[in-house]
Amino acid sequence: MDYKALFWDVYQWTQQVNEAAARHGMQNPEFWQWVADSTGAICRKYNDHRLAIKQMVMMVEWLEEVYEKQRGGAGG
């Protein structure tokens, strides 16, 4: 497992998240479809290594919290 490559890909993904959110808006289902597709692609790139999966799950949970906070709901 190339940890440096994984975390570089995660970093690049966070940059792409910002672009996708600006393009679609977090309330748009297209944004969440992009999130699902792109997180799946990273996991597959690393052969569904447990660390890659856990990292991307954490990132999606973080996005969900940001979304809920923007909506005025619970979250951090």
PDB file of N, CA and C in Angstrom:
ATOM      1  N   MET A   1       0.854  -1.186   0.000  1.00  0.00           N
ATOM      2  CA  MET A   1       0.000   0.000   0.000  1.00  0.00           C
ATOM      3  C   MET A   1       0.893   1.241   0.000  1.00  0.00           C
ATOM      4  N   ASP A   2       0.660   2.096  -0.960  1.00  0.00           N
ATOM      5  CA  ASP A   2       1.425   3.337  -1.056  1.00  0.00           C
ATOM      6  C   ASP A   2       0.641   4.428  -0.329  1.00  0.00           C
ATOM      7  N   TYR A   3       0.964   4.630   0.953  1.00  0.00           N
ATOM      8  CA  TYR A   3       0.229   5.581   1.791  1.00  0.00           C
ATOM      9  C   TYR A   3       0.358   7.007   1.277  1.00  0.00           C
ATOM     10  N   LYS A   4       1.550   7.353   0.830  1.00  0.00           N
ATOM     11  CA  LYS A   4       1.763   8.704   0.316  1.00  0.00           C
ATOM     12  C   LYS A   4       0.851   8.966  -0.881  1.00  0.00           C
ATOM     13  N   ALA A   5       0.748   8.001  -1.775  1.00  0.00           N
ATOM     14  CA  ALA A   5      -0.115   8.153  -2.945  1.00  0.00           C
ATOM     15  C   ALA A   5      -1.582   8.255  -2.534  1.00  0.00           C
ATOM     16  N   LEU A   6      -2.000   7.417  -1.585  1.00  0.00           N
ATOM     17  CA  LEU A   6      -3.389   7.468  -1.114  1.00  0.00           C
ATOM     18  C   LEU A   6      -3.710   8.849  -0.565  1.00  0.00           C
ATOM     19  N   PHE A   7      -2.881   9.345   0.332  1.00  0.00           N
ATOM     20  CA  PHE A   7      -3.200  10.622   0.961  1.00  0.00           C
ATOM     21  C   PHE A   7      -3.039  11.792  -0.009  1.00  0.00           C
ATOM     22  N   TRP A   8      -2.196  11.650  -1.014  1.00  0.00           N
ATOM     23  CA  TRP A   8      -2.129  12.672  -2.061  1.00  0.00           C
ATOM     24  C   TRP A   8      -3.431  12.659  -2.862  1.00  0.00           C
ATOM     25  N   ASP A   9      -3.923  11.473  -3.180  1.00  0.00           N
ATOM     26  CA  ASP A   9      -5.203  11.374  -3.896  1.00  0.00           C
ATOM     27  C   ASP A   9      -6.346  11.948  -3.065  1.00  0.00           C
ATOM     28  N   VAL A  10      -6.323  11.707  -1.761  1.00  0.00           N
ATOM     29  CA  VAL A  10      -7.358  12.275  -0.884  1.00  0.00           C
ATOM     30  C   VAL A  10      -7.259  13.797  -0.895  1.00  0.00           C
ATOM     31  N   TYR A  11      -6.057  14.317  -0.818  1.00  0.00           N
ATOM     32  CA  TYR A  11      -5.863  15.774  -0.882  1.00  0.00           C
ATOM     33  C   TYR A  11      -6.429  16.328  -2.187  1.00  0.00           C
ATOM     34  N   GLN A  12      -6.079  15.696  -3.302  1.00  0.00           N
ATOM     35  CA  GLN A  12      -6.570  16.160  -4.598  1.00  0.00           C
ATOM     36  C   GLN A  12      -8.094  16.055  -4.663  1.00  0.00           C
ATOM     37  N   TRP A  13      -8.646  15.005  -4.071  1.00  0.00           N
ATOM     38  CA  TRP A  13     -10.091  14.826  -4.031  1.00  0.00           C
ATOM     39  C   TRP A  13     -10.756  15.981  -3.286  1.00  0.00           C
ATOM     40  N   THR A  14     -10.151  16.433  -2.183  1.00  0.00           N
ATOM     41  CA  THR A  14     -10.747  17.548  -1.436  1.00  0.00           C
ATOM     42  C   THR A  14     -10.784  18.810  -2.294  1.00  0.00           C
ATOM     43  N   GLN A  15      -9.794  18.997  -3.130  1.00  0.00           N
ATOM     44  CA  GLN A  15      -9.805  20.137  -4.034  1.00  0.00           C
ATOM     45  C   GLN A  15     -10.936  19.987  -5.053  1.00  0.00           C
ATOM     46  N   GLN A  16     -11.122  18.780  -5.545  1.00  0.00           N
ATOM     47  CA  GLN A  16     -12.190  18.513  -6.506  1.00  0.00           C
ATOM     48  C   GLN A  16     -13.563  18.650  -5.867  1.00  0.00           C
ATOM     49  N   VAL A  17     -13.671  18.309  -4.575  1.00  0.00           N
ATOM     50  CA  VAL A  17     -14.936  18.487  -3.859  1.00  0.00           C
ATOM     51  C   VAL A  17     -15.332  19.956  -3.873  1.00  0.00           C
ATOM     52  N   ASN A  18     -14.371  20.824  -3.603  1.00  0.00           N
ATOM     53  CA  ASN A  18     -14.666  22.258  -3.609  1.00  0.00           C
ATOM     54  C   ASN A  18     -15.172  22.703  -4.977  1.00  0.00           C
ATOM     55  N   GLU A  19     -14.556  22.198  -6.034  1.00  0.00           N
ATOM     56  CA  GLU A  19     -14.975  22.541  -7.392  1.00  0.00           C
ATOM     57  C   GLU A  19     -16.373  21.994  -7.681  1.00  0.00           C
ATOM     58  N   ALA A  20     -16.618  20.756  -7.281  1.00  0.00           N
ATOM     59  CA  ALA A  20     -17.925  20.139  -7.525  1.00  0.00           C
ATOM     60  C   ALA A  20     -19.022  20.846  -6.737  1.00  0.00           C
ATOM     61  N   ALA A  21     -18.715  21.241  -5.510  1.00  0.00           N
ATOM     62  CA  ALA A  21     -19.702  21.964  -4.690  1.00  0.00           C
ATOM     63  C   ALA A  21     -20.010  23.323  -5.315  1.00  0.00           C
ATOM     64  N   ALA A  22     -19.002  23.999  -5.832  1.00  0.00           N
ATOM     65  CA  ALA A  22     -19.217  25.294  -6.474  1.00  0.00           C
ATOM     66  C   ALA A  22     -20.019  25.129  -7.765  1.00  0.00           C
ATOM     67  N   ARG A  23     -19.747  24.060  -8.485  1.00  0.00           N
ATOM     68  CA  ARG A  23     -20.410  23.811  -9.769  1.00  0.00           C
ATOM     69  C   ARG A  23     -21.865  23.397  -9.580  1.00  0.00           C
ATOM     70  N   HIS A  24     -22.113  22.471  -8.655  1.00  0.00           N
ATOM     71  CA  HIS A  24     -23.448  21.890  -8.505  1.00  0.00           C
ATOM     72  C   HIS A  24     -24.215  22.434  -7.309  1.00  0.00           C
ATOM     73  N   GLY A  25     -23.496  22.776  -6.229  1.00  0.00           N
ATOM     74  CA  GLY A  25     -24.142  23.079  -4.960  1.00  0.00           C
ATOM     75  C   GLY A  25     -24.322  21.784  -4.182  1.00  0.00           C
ATOM     76  N   MET A  26     -24.099  21.849  -2.887  1.00  0.00           N
ATOM     77  CA  MET A  26     -24.175  20.631  -2.072  1.00  0.00           C
ATOM     78  C   MET A  26     -25.593  20.078  -1.971  1.00  0.00           C
ATOM     79  N   GLN A  27     -26.589  20.896  -2.248  1.00  0.00           N
ATOM     80  CA  GLN A  27     -27.963  20.434  -2.175  1.00  0.00           C
ATOM     81  C   GLN A  27     -28.375  19.640  -3.413  1.00  0.00           C
ATOM     82  N   ASN A  28     -27.567  19.672  -4.437  1.00  0.00           N
ATOM     83  CA  ASN A  28     -27.892  19.036  -5.706  1.00  0.00           C
ATOM     84  C   ASN A  28     -27.528  17.552  -5.684  1.00  0.00           C
ATOM     85  N   PRO A  29     -28.454  16.686  -6.093  1.00  0.00           N
ATOM     86  CA  PRO A  29     -28.135  15.252  -6.156  1.00  0.00           C
ATOM     87  C   PRO A  29     -26.928  14.931  -7.049  1.00  0.00           C
ATOM     88  N   GLU A  30     -26.677  15.771  -8.056  1.00  0.00           N
ATOM     89  CA  GLU A  30     -25.507  15.547  -8.918  1.00  0.00           C
ATOM     90  C   GLU A  30     -24.210  15.637  -8.120  1.00  0.00           C
ATOM     91  N   PHE A  31     -24.174  16.542  -7.148  1.00  0.00           N
ATOM     92  CA  PHE A  31     -22.997  16.647  -6.296  1.00  0.00           C
ATOM     93  C   PHE A  31     -22.780  15.342  -5.537  1.00  0.00           C
ATOM     94  N   TRP A  32     -23.826  14.833  -4.914  1.00  0.00           N
ATOM     95  CA  TRP A  32     -23.695  13.619  -4.103  1.00  0.00           C
ATOM     96  C   TRP A  32     -23.413  12.396  -4.971  1.00  0.00           C
ATOM     97  N   GLN A  33     -23.909  12.403  -6.206  1.00  0.00           N
ATOM     98  CA  GLN A  33     -23.566  11.311  -7.126  1.00  0.00           C
ATOM     99  C   GLN A  33     -22.081  11.367  -7.451  1.00  0.00           C
ATOM    100  N   TRP A  34     -21.557  12.577  -7.681  1.00  0.00           N
ATOM    101  CA  TRP A  34     -20.126  12.727  -7.933  1.00  0.00           C
ATOM    102  C   TRP A  34     -19.328  12.244  -6.724  1.00  0.00           C
ATOM    103  N   VAL A  35     -19.777  12.600  -5.512  1.00  0.00           N
ATOM    104  CA  VAL A  35     -19.087  12.160  -4.296  1.00  0.00           C
ATOM    105  C   VAL A  35     -19.052  10.629  -4.247  1.00  0.00           C
ATOM    106  N   ALA A  36     -20.185   9.999  -4.475  1.00  0.00           N
ATOM    107  CA  ALA A  36     -20.247   8.532  -4.426  1.00  0.00           C
ATOM    108  C   ALA A  36     -19.339   7.908  -5.479  1.00  0.00           C
ATOM    109  N   ASP A  37     -19.417   8.413  -6.687  1.00  0.00           N
ATOM    110  CA  ASP A  37     -18.605   7.852  -7.776  1.00  0.00           C
ATOM    111  C   ASP A  37     -17.113   8.048  -7.519  1.00  0.00           C
ATOM    112  N   SER A  38     -16.741   9.240  -7.082  1.00  0.00           N
ATOM    113  CA  SER A  38     -15.314   9.534  -6.908  1.00  0.00           C
ATOM    114  C   SER A  38     -14.729   8.815  -5.682  1.00  0.00           C
ATOM    115  N   THR A  39     -15.498   8.683  -4.618  1.00  0.00           N
ATOM    116  CA  THR A  39     -14.980   7.937  -3.468  1.00  0.00           C
ATOM    117  C   THR A  39     -14.834   6.465  -3.819  1.00  0.00           C
ATOM    118  N   GLY A  40     -15.790   5.934  -4.558  1.00  0.00           N
ATOM    119  CA  GLY A  40     -15.689   4.547  -5.005  1.00  0.00           C
ATOM    120  C   GLY A  40     -14.473   4.316  -5.880  1.00  0.00           C
ATOM    121  N   ALA A  41     -14.192   5.288  -6.743  1.00  0.00           N
ATOM    122  CA  ALA A  41     -13.039   5.160  -7.639  1.00  0.00           C
ATOM    123  C   ALA A  41     -11.730   5.126  -6.849  1.00  0.00           C
ATOM    124  N   ILE A  42     -11.629   5.958  -5.824  1.00  0.00           N
ATOM    125  CA  ILE A  42     -10.401   5.943  -5.010  1.00  0.00           C
ATOM    126  C   ILE A  42     -10.271   4.607  -4.284  1.00  0.00           C
ATOM    127  N   CYS A  43     -11.361   4.122  -3.721  1.00  0.00           N
ATOM    128  CA  CYS A  43     -11.296   2.830  -3.028  1.00  0.00           C
ATOM    129  C   CYS A  43     -10.869   1.716  -3.987  1.00  0.00           C
ATOM    130  N   ARG A  44     -11.450   1.706  -5.175  1.00  0.00           N
ATOM    131  CA  ARG A  44     -11.079   0.669  -6.155  1.00  0.00           C
ATOM    132  C   ARG A  44      -9.615   0.811  -6.576  1.00  0.00           C
ATOM    133  N   LYS A  45      -9.150   2.064  -6.730  1.00  0.00           N
ATOM    134  CA  LYS A  45      -7.750   2.293  -7.128  1.00  0.00           C
ATOM    135  C   LYS A  45      -6.794   1.612  -6.155  1.00  0.00           C
ATOM    136  N   TYR A  46      -7.171   1.574  -4.886  1.00  0.00           N
ATOM    137  CA  TYR A  46      -6.330   0.963  -3.857  1.00  0.00           C
ATOM    138  C   TYR A  46      -6.852  -0.421  -3.464  1.00  0.00           C
ATOM    139  N   ASN A  47      -7.503  -1.072  -4.421  1.00  0.00           N
ATOM    140  CA  ASN A  47      -7.968  -2.462  -4.257  1.00  0.00           C
ATOM    141  C   ASN A  47      -8.821  -2.646  -3.004  1.00  0.00           C
ATOM    142  N   ASP A  48      -9.655  -1.653  -2.732  1.00  0.00           N
ATOM    143  CA  ASP A  48     -10.541  -1.699  -1.561  1.00  0.00           C
ATOM    144  C   ASP A  48      -9.783  -1.994  -0.265  1.00  0.00           C
ATOM    145  N   HIS A  49      -8.582  -1.457  -0.180  1.00  0.00           N
ATOM    146  CA  HIS A  49      -7.798  -1.570   1.048  1.00  0.00           C
ATOM    147  C   HIS A  49      -8.602  -0.939   2.181  1.00  0.00           C
ATOM    148  N   ARG A  50      -8.595  -1.559   3.321  1.00  0.00           N
ATOM    149  CA  ARG A  50      -9.413  -1.089   4.445  1.00  0.00           C
ATOM    150  C   ARG A  50      -9.131   0.375   4.811  1.00  0.00           C
ATOM    151  N   LEU A  51      -7.886   0.793   4.755  1.00  0.00           N
ATOM    152  CA  LEU A  51      -7.555   2.176   5.070  1.00  0.00           C
ATOM    153  C   LEU A  51      -8.177   3.132   4.052  1.00  0.00           C
ATOM    154  N   ALA A  52      -8.126   2.783   2.787  1.00  0.00           N
ATOM    155  CA  ALA A  52      -8.725   3.643   1.755  1.00  0.00           C
ATOM    156  C   ALA A  52     -10.229   3.764   1.977  1.00  0.00           C
ATOM    157  N   ILE A  53     -10.872   2.654   2.269  1.00  0.00           N
ATOM    158  CA  ILE A  53     -12.316   2.678   2.511  1.00  0.00           C
ATOM    159  C   ILE A  53     -12.644   3.535   3.725  1.00  0.00           C
ATOM    160  N   LYS A  54     -11.942   3.302   4.826  1.00  0.00           N
ATOM    161  CA  LYS A  54     -12.216   4.066   6.048  1.00  0.00           C
ATOM    162  C   LYS A  54     -11.940   5.556   5.841  1.00  0.00           C
ATOM    163  N   GLN A  55     -10.895   5.879   5.112  1.00  0.00           N
ATOM    164  CA  GLN A  55     -10.568   7.278   4.847  1.00  0.00           C
ATOM    165  C   GLN A  55     -11.692   7.937   4.055  1.00  0.00           C
ATOM    166  N   MET A  56     -12.161   7.270   3.015  1.00  0.00           N
ATOM    167  CA  MET A  56     -13.191   7.884   2.180  1.00  0.00           C
ATOM    168  C   MET A  56     -14.538   7.929   2.892  1.00  0.00           C
ATOM    169  N   VAL A  57     -14.841   6.943   3.719  1.00  0.00           N
ATOM    170  CA  VAL A  57     -16.067   7.009   4.524  1.00  0.00           C
ATOM    171  C   VAL A  57     -16.003   8.219   5.446  1.00  0.00           C
ATOM    172  N   MET A  58     -14.856   8.426   6.070  1.00  0.00           N
ATOM    173  CA  MET A  58     -14.697   9.573   6.946  1.00  0.00           C
ATOM    174  C   MET A  58     -14.892  10.879   6.174  1.00  0.00           C
ATOM    175  N   MET A  59     -14.365  10.958   4.969  1.00  0.00           N
ATOM    176  CA  MET A  59     -14.501  12.174   4.181  1.00  0.00           C
ATOM    177  C   MET A  59     -15.964  12.429   3.816  1.00  0.00           C
ATOM    178  N   VAL A  60     -16.690  11.387   3.469  1.00  0.00           N
ATOM    179  CA  VAL A  60     -18.110  11.548   3.136  1.00  0.00           C
ATOM    180  C   VAL A  60     -18.889  11.979   4.372  1.00  0.00           C
ATOM    181  N   GLU A  61     -18.592  11.384   5.520  1.00  0.00           N
ATOM    182  CA  GLU A  61     -19.260  11.787   6.760  1.00  0.00           C
ATOM    183  C   GLU A  61     -18.982  13.258   7.062  1.00  0.00           C
ATOM    184  N   TRP A  62     -17.764  13.689   6.831  1.00  0.00           N
ATOM    185  CA  TRP A  62     -17.415  15.086   7.032  1.00  0.00           C
ATOM    186  C   TRP A  62     -18.232  15.984   6.099  1.00  0.00           C
ATOM    187  N   LEU A  63     -18.365  15.589   4.826  1.00  0.00           N
ATOM    188  CA  LEU A  63     -19.174  16.371   3.892  1.00  0.00           C
ATOM    189  C   LEU A  63     -20.631  16.437   4.344  1.00  0.00           C
ATOM    190  N   GLU A  64     -21.133  15.320   4.847  1.00  0.00           N
ATOM    191  CA  GLU A  64     -22.515  15.303   5.337  1.00  0.00           C
ATOM    192  C   GLU A  64     -22.685  16.273   6.502  1.00  0.00           C
ATOM    193  N   GLU A  65     -21.697  16.332   7.383  1.00  0.00           N
ATOM    194  CA  GLU A  65     -21.750  17.273   8.506  1.00  0.00           C
ATOM    195  C   GLU A  65     -21.726  18.719   8.014  1.00  0.00           C
ATOM    196  N   VAL A  66     -20.880  19.006   7.037  1.00  0.00           N
ATOM    197  CA  VAL A  66     -20.819  20.349   6.467  1.00  0.00           C
ATOM    198  C   VAL A  66     -22.180  20.706   5.861  1.00  0.00           C
ATOM    199  N   TYR A  67     -22.747  19.781   5.131  1.00  0.00           N
ATOM    200  CA  TYR A  67     -24.052  20.001   4.498  1.00  0.00           C
ATOM    201  C   TYR A  67     -25.129  20.275   5.543  1.00  0.00           C
ATOM    202  N   GLU A  68     -25.162  19.462   6.580  1.00  0.00           N
ATOM    203  CA  GLU A  68     -26.162  19.649   7.638  1.00  0.00           C
ATOM    204  C   GLU A  68     -25.972  20.992   8.342  1.00  0.00           C
ATOM    205  N   LYS A  69     -24.741  21.368   8.560  1.00  0.00           N
ATOM    206  CA  LYS A  69     -24.458  22.658   9.206  1.00  0.00           C
ATOM    207  C   LYS A  69     -24.948  23.806   8.329  1.00  0.00           C
ATOM    208  N   GLN A  70     -24.724  23.707   7.021  1.00  0.00           N
ATOM    209  CA  GLN A  70     -25.189  24.734   6.089  1.00  0.00           C
ATOM    210  C   GLN A  70     -26.708  24.838   6.093  1.00  0.00           C
ATOM    211  N   ARG A  71     -27.357  23.706   6.262  1.00  0.00           N
ATOM    212  CA  ARG A  71     -28.815  23.674   6.285  1.00  0.00           C
ATOM    213  C   ARG A  71     -29.368  24.119   7.635  1.00  0.00           C
ATOM    214  N   GLY A  72     -28.494  24.283   8.612  1.00  0.00           N
ATOM    215  CA  GLY A  72     -28.936  24.698   9.923  1.00  0.00           C
ATOM    216  C   GLY A  72     -29.311  23.536  10.824  1.00  0.00           C
ATOM    217  N   GLY A  73     -28.891  22.329  10.417  1.00  0.00           N
ATOM    218  CA  GLY A  73     -29.197  21.140  11.193  1.00  0.00           C
ATOM    219  C   GLY A  73     -28.079  20.799  12.137  1.00  0.00           C
ATOM    220  N   ALA A  74     -28.118  19.583  12.629  1.00  0.00           N
ATOM    221  CA  ALA A  74     -27.086  19.092  13.549  1.00  0.00           C
ATOM    222  C   ALA A  74     -25.809  18.830  12.771  1.00  0.00           C
ATOM    223  N   GLY A  75     -24.734  18.680  13.483  1.00  0.00           N
ATOM    224  CA  GLY A  75     -23.453  18.349  12.839  1.00  0.00           C
ATOM    225  C   GLY A  75     -22.378  19.294  13.280  1.00  0.00           C
ATOM    226  N   GLY A  76     -21.161  19.019  12.777  1.00  0.00           N
ATOM    227  CA  GLY A  76     -20.051  19.762  13.303  1.00  0.00           C
ATOM    228  C   GLY A  76     -19.348  20.598  12.360  1.00  0.00           C
TER     229      GLY A  76
END
